[in-house]
C-alpha atoms as a PDB file:
ATOM      1  CA  MET A   1       0.000   0.000   0.000  1.00  0.00           C
ATOM      2  CA  ASN A   2       2.909   2.377   0.742  1.00  0.00           C
ATOM      3  CA  ASN A   3       4.237   2.074  -2.803  1.00  0.00           C
ATOM      4  CA  GLN A   4       0.785   3.017  -4.179  1.00  0.00           C
ATOM      5  CA  LEU A   5       0.510   6.197  -2.068  1.00  0.00           C
ATOM      6  CA  PRO A   6       2.498   8.429  -4.493  1.00  0.00           C
ATOM      7  CA  LEU A   7       0.339   7.154  -7.365  1.00  0.00           C
ATOM      8  CA  ILE A   8      -2.861   7.989  -5.478  1.00  0.00           C
ATOM      9  CA  LYS A   9      -1.516  11.476  -4.680  1.00  0.00           C
ATOM     10  CA  MET A  10      -0.694  12.065  -8.350  1.00  0.00           C
ATOM     11  CA  LEU A  11      -4.167  10.951  -9.459  1.00  0.00           C
ATOM     12  CA  PHE A  12      -5.791  13.217  -6.854  1.00  0.00           C
ATOM     13  CA  LEU A  13      -3.670  16.177  -8.000  1.00  0.00           C
ATOM     14  CA  ALA A  14      -4.525  15.494 -11.659  1.00  0.00           C
ATOM     15  CA  LEU A  15      -8.249  15.436 -10.816  1.00  0.00           C
ATOM     16  CA  MET A  16      -7.974  18.732  -8.915  1.00  0.00           C
ATOM     17  CA  VAL A  17      -6.150  20.407 -11.813  1.00  0.00           C
ATOM     18  CA  GLN A  18      -8.749  19.069 -14.257  1.00  0.00           C
ATOM     19  CA  PHE A  19     -11.571  20.327 -12.007  1.00  0.00           C
ATOM     20  CA  GLY A  20      -9.976  23.805 -11.894  1.00  0.00           C
ATOM     21  CA  HIS A  21      -9.783  23.940 -15.702  1.00  0.00           C
ATOM     22  CA  ALA A  22     -13.362  22.699 -16.027  1.00  0.00           C
ATOM     23  CA  GLN A  23     -14.607  25.936 -14.446  1.00  0.00           C
ATOM     24  CA  GLU A  24     -12.884  28.081 -17.087  1.00  0.00           C
ATOM     25  CA  ARG A  25     -14.987  29.133 -20.046  1.00  0.00           C
ATOM     26  CA  THR A  26     -15.001  31.676 -22.840  1.00  0.00           C
ATOM     27  CA  VAL A  27     -17.030  34.867 -22.542  1.00  0.00           C
ATOM     28  CA  SER A  28     -17.589  37.012 -25.610  1.00  0.00           C
ATOM     29  CA  GLY A  29     -19.577  40.058 -26.616  1.00  0.00           C
ATOM     30  CA  VAL A  30     -19.514  43.536 -28.116  1.00  0.00           C
ATOM     31  CA  VAL A  31     -18.293  46.788 -26.557  1.00  0.00           C
ATOM     32  CA  SER A  32     -19.994  49.916 -27.888  1.00  0.00           C
ATOM     33  CA  ASP A  33     -20.907  53.465 -26.925  1.00  0.00           C
ATOM     34  CA  GLY A  34     -24.558  52.458 -27.050  1.00  0.00           C
ATOM     35  CA  THR A  35     -24.835  52.729 -30.833  1.00  0.00           C
ATOM     36  CA  THR A  36     -21.369  52.434 -32.402  1.00  0.00           C
ATOM     37  CA  PRO A  37     -18.892  49.568 -31.778  1.00  0.00           C
ATOM     38  CA  LEU A  38     -15.648  50.629 -30.075  1.00  0.00           C
ATOM     39  CA  PRO A  39     -12.561  49.097 -31.750  1.00  0.00           C
ATOM     40  CA  GLY A  40      -9.553  48.810 -29.437  1.00  0.00           C
ATOM     41  CA  ALA A  41     -11.545  48.882 -26.188  1.00  0.00           C
ATOM     42  CA  SER A  42      -9.797  47.144 -23.303  1.00  0.00           C
ATOM     43  CA  VAL A  43     -11.301  44.084 -21.569  1.00  0.00           C
ATOM     44  CA  VAL A  44      -9.281  43.000 -18.501  1.00  0.00           C
ATOM     45  CA  ILE A  45      -9.881  40.524 -15.678  1.00  0.00           C
ATOM     46  CA  LYS A  46      -9.894  42.718 -12.552  1.00  0.00           C
ATOM     47  CA  GLY A  47      -6.790  42.356 -10.397  1.00  0.00           C
ATOM     48  CA  THR A  48      -4.764  40.660 -13.133  1.00  0.00           C
ATOM     49  CA  THR A  49      -2.868  41.555 -16.274  1.00  0.00           C
ATOM     50  CA  GLN A  50      -4.922  39.088 -18.330  1.00  0.00           C
ATOM     51  CA  GLY A  51      -7.026  40.778 -20.932  1.00  0.00           C
ATOM     52  CA  THR A  52      -7.795  41.467 -24.543  1.00  0.00           C
ATOM     53  CA  SER A  53      -8.950  44.290 -26.779  1.00  0.00           C
ATOM     54  CA  THR A  54     -11.892  44.525 -29.131  1.00  0.00           C
ATOM     55  CA  ASP A  55     -11.546  44.073 -32.882  1.00  0.00           C
ATOM     56  CA  PHE A  56     -12.659  46.551 -35.567  1.00  0.00           C
ATOM     57  CA  ASP A  57     -16.327  45.650 -34.963  1.00  0.00           C
ATOM     58  CA  GLY A  58     -16.096  45.919 -31.152  1.00  0.00           C
ATOM     59  CA  ASN A  59     -16.082  42.121 -30.635  1.00  0.00           C
ATOM     60  CA  TYR A  60     -14.017  40.429 -27.924  1.00  0.00           C
ATOM     61  CA  SER A  61     -13.505  36.952 -26.486  1.00  0.00           C
ATOM     62  CA  ILE A  62     -11.749  36.060 -23.224  1.00  0.00           C
ATOM     63  CA  THR A  63     -11.290  32.956 -21.050  1.00  0.00           C
ATOM     64  CA  VAL A  64     -12.564  33.484 -17.489  1.00  0.00           C
ATOM     65  CA  THR A  65     -13.803  31.725 -14.356  1.00  0.00           C
ATOM     66  CA  PRO A  66     -17.208  32.396 -12.732  1.00  0.00           C
ATOM     67  CA  SER A  67     -15.584  34.374  -9.885  1.00  0.00           C
ATOM     68  CA  ASP A  68     -13.842  36.840 -12.243  1.00  0.00           C
ATOM     69  CA  VAL A  69     -14.891  40.453 -12.746  1.00  0.00           C
ATOM     70  CA  LEU A  70     -14.332  42.002 -16.186  1.00  0.00           C
ATOM     71  CA  VAL A  71     -13.283  45.653 -16.470  1.00  0.00           C
ATOM     72  CA  PHE A  72     -14.250  47.357 -19.741  1.00  0.00           C
ATOM     73  CA  SER A  73     -12.524  50.642 -20.621  1.00  0.00           C
ATOM     74  CA  TYR A  74     -11.959  52.978 -23.560  1.00  0.00           C
ATOM     75  CA  ILE A  75     -10.330  56.395 -23.895  1.00  0.00           C
ATOM     76  CA  GLY A  76     -12.815  59.132 -23.029  1.00  0.00           C
ATOM     77  CA  MET A  77     -15.331  56.667 -21.592  1.00  0.00           C
ATOM     78  CA  ALA A  78     -16.115  55.718 -17.991  1.00  0.00           C
ATOM     79  CA  SER A  79     -14.855  52.232 -17.101  1.00  0.00           C
ATOM     80  CA  GLN A  80     -17.419  49.580 -16.261  1.00  0.00           C
ATOM     81  CA  GLU A  81     -16.996  46.445 -14.101  1.00  0.00           C
ATOM     82  CA  ILE A  82     -19.201  43.392 -14.623  1.00  0.00           C
ATOM     83  CA  PRO A  83     -19.017  40.135 -12.600  1.00  0.00           C
ATOM     84  CA  VAL A  84     -18.921  37.078 -14.871  1.00  0.00           C
ATOM     85  CA  GLY A  85     -20.970  34.631 -12.782  1.00  0.00           C
ATOM     86  CA  SER A  86     -22.794  32.267 -15.166  1.00  0.00           C
ATOM     87  CA  LEU A  87     -22.776  34.673 -18.144  1.00  0.00           C
ATOM     88  CA  THR A  88     -21.293  33.557 -21.466  1.00  0.00           C
ATOM     89  CA  THR A  89     -22.168  36.711 -23.448  1.00  0.00           C
ATOM     90  CA  ILE A  90     -21.584  40.205 -22.077  1.00  0.00           C
ATOM     91  CA  ASN A  91     -22.438  43.165 -24.310  1.00  0.00           C
ATOM     92  CA  VAL A  92     -21.380  46.505 -22.839  1.00  0.00           C
ATOM     93  CA  GLY A  93     -22.420  50.058 -23.654  1.00  0.00           C
ATOM     94  CA  LEU A  94     -19.849  52.474 -22.231  1.00  0.00           C
ATOM     95  CA  GLN A  95     -20.834  56.037 -21.321  1.00  0.00           C
ATOM     96  CA  VAL A  96     -18.852  59.223 -21.979  1.00  0.00           C
ATOM     97  CA  ASP A  97     -16.715  60.167 -18.966  1.00  0.00           C
ATOM     98  CA  ASN A  98     -17.929  63.597 -17.860  1.00  0.00           C
ATOM     99  CA  ALA A  99     -14.978  63.946 -15.474  1.00  0.00           C
ATOM    100  CA  LEU A 100     -12.640  64.766 -18.356  1.00  0.00           C
ATOM    101  CA  ASP A 101     -11.489  68.367 -18.504  1.00  0.00           C
ATOM    102  CA  GLU A 102     -10.103  70.340 -21.429  1.00  0.00           C
ATOM    103  CA  VAL A 103      -6.627  69.158 -22.331  1.00  0.00           C
ATOM    104  CA  VAL A 104      -4.144  71.196 -24.353  1.00  0.00           C
ATOM    105  CA  VAL A 105      -1.290  69.519 -26.214  1.00  0.00           C
ATOM    106  CA  VAL A 106       1.929  71.477 -25.648  1.00  0.00           C
ATOM    107  CA  GLY A 107       4.918  70.283 -27.658  1.00  0.00           C
ATOM    108  CA  TYR A 108       5.412  66.725 -26.490  1.00  0.00           C
ATOM    109  CA  THR A 109       3.229  66.903 -23.378  1.00  0.00           C
ATOM    110  CA  ALA A 110      -0.386  67.563 -22.458  1.00  0.00           C
ATOM    111  CA  LYS A 111      -1.663  69.896 -19.746  1.00  0.00           C
ATOM    112  CA  GLU A 112      -5.045  70.944 -18.474  1.00  0.00           C
ATOM    113  CA  LYS A 113      -6.069  74.253 -20.009  1.00  0.00           C
ATOM    114  CA  LYS A 114      -6.726  75.884 -16.626  1.00  0.00           C
ATOM    115  CA  LYS A 115      -3.139  75.136 -15.476  1.00  0.00           C
ATOM    116  CA  LEU A 116      -1.448  77.031 -18.318  1.00  0.00           C
ATOM    117  CA  THR A 117       0.099  80.408 -17.558  1.00  0.00           C
ATOM    118  CA  SER A 118       1.011  81.369 -21.116  1.00  0.00           C
ATOM    119  CA  SER A 119      -1.214  82.361 -24.004  1.00  0.00           C
ATOM    120  CA  VAL A 120      -3.079  79.654 -25.875  1.00  0.00           C
ATOM    121  CA  ALA A 121      -4.085  79.748 -29.519  1.00  0.00           C
ATOM    122  CA  THR A 122      -6.914  77.665 -30.889  1.00  0.00           C
ATOM    123  CA  VAL A 123      -7.032  76.629 -34.536  1.00  0.00           C
ATOM    124  CA  ASP A 124     -10.387  75.545 -35.919  1.00  0.00           C
ATOM    125  CA  SER A 125     -10.495  72.662 -38.415  1.00  0.00           C
ATOM    126  CA  LYS A 126     -12.319  74.913 -40.907  1.00  0.00           C
ATOM    127  CA  GLN A 127      -9.356  77.307 -40.844  1.00  0.00           C
ATOM    128  CA  ILE A 128      -6.996  74.440 -41.672  1.00  0.00           C
ATOM    129  CA  GLU A 129      -9.200  73.309 -44.574  1.00  0.00           C
ATOM    130  CA  ASN A 130      -9.010  76.798 -46.125  1.00  0.00           C
ATOM    131  CA  VAL A 131      -5.193  76.868 -46.185  1.00  0.00           C
ATOM    132  CA  HIS A 132      -3.840  76.455 -49.718  1.00  0.00           C
ATOM    133  CA  MET A 133      -0.715  74.365 -49.941  1.00  0.00           C
ATOM    134  CA  ALA A 134       1.825  74.896 -52.735  1.00  0.00           C
ATOM    135  CA  THR A 135       2.536  71.231 -53.464  1.00  0.00           C
ATOM    136  CA  PHE A 136       1.466  68.748 -56.115  1.00  0.00           C
ATOM    137  CA  ASP A 137      -0.116  66.516 -53.452  1.00  0.00           C
END
């Protein structure tokens, strides 16, 4: 019986590992702003570095366990956390983050407009369209 004990331990360990993998499953869905898909949105398992990003059509797919919480985020949008539980499809509509303030790009950095002490010039896109360039392009 003593020579069978390591074999029994190995079988028990193999069953436990298999049971742990049996709980993993794939969750998929679409991340949008409510109407338009968001390509490049981030989908991360909370508390880990495991994640993925959405494709051009806002689709994603990620392997999770029922106890995981998914964090959905996108630039300019408020992040959203959703517990996985028994869900296999999670479609998310992110909302615009109203906490963002005006940001001014200065050289190679960005600063909030209210923190600038120098003058700031604003160029409208219509002004840029009316500029005539002296090239063949």
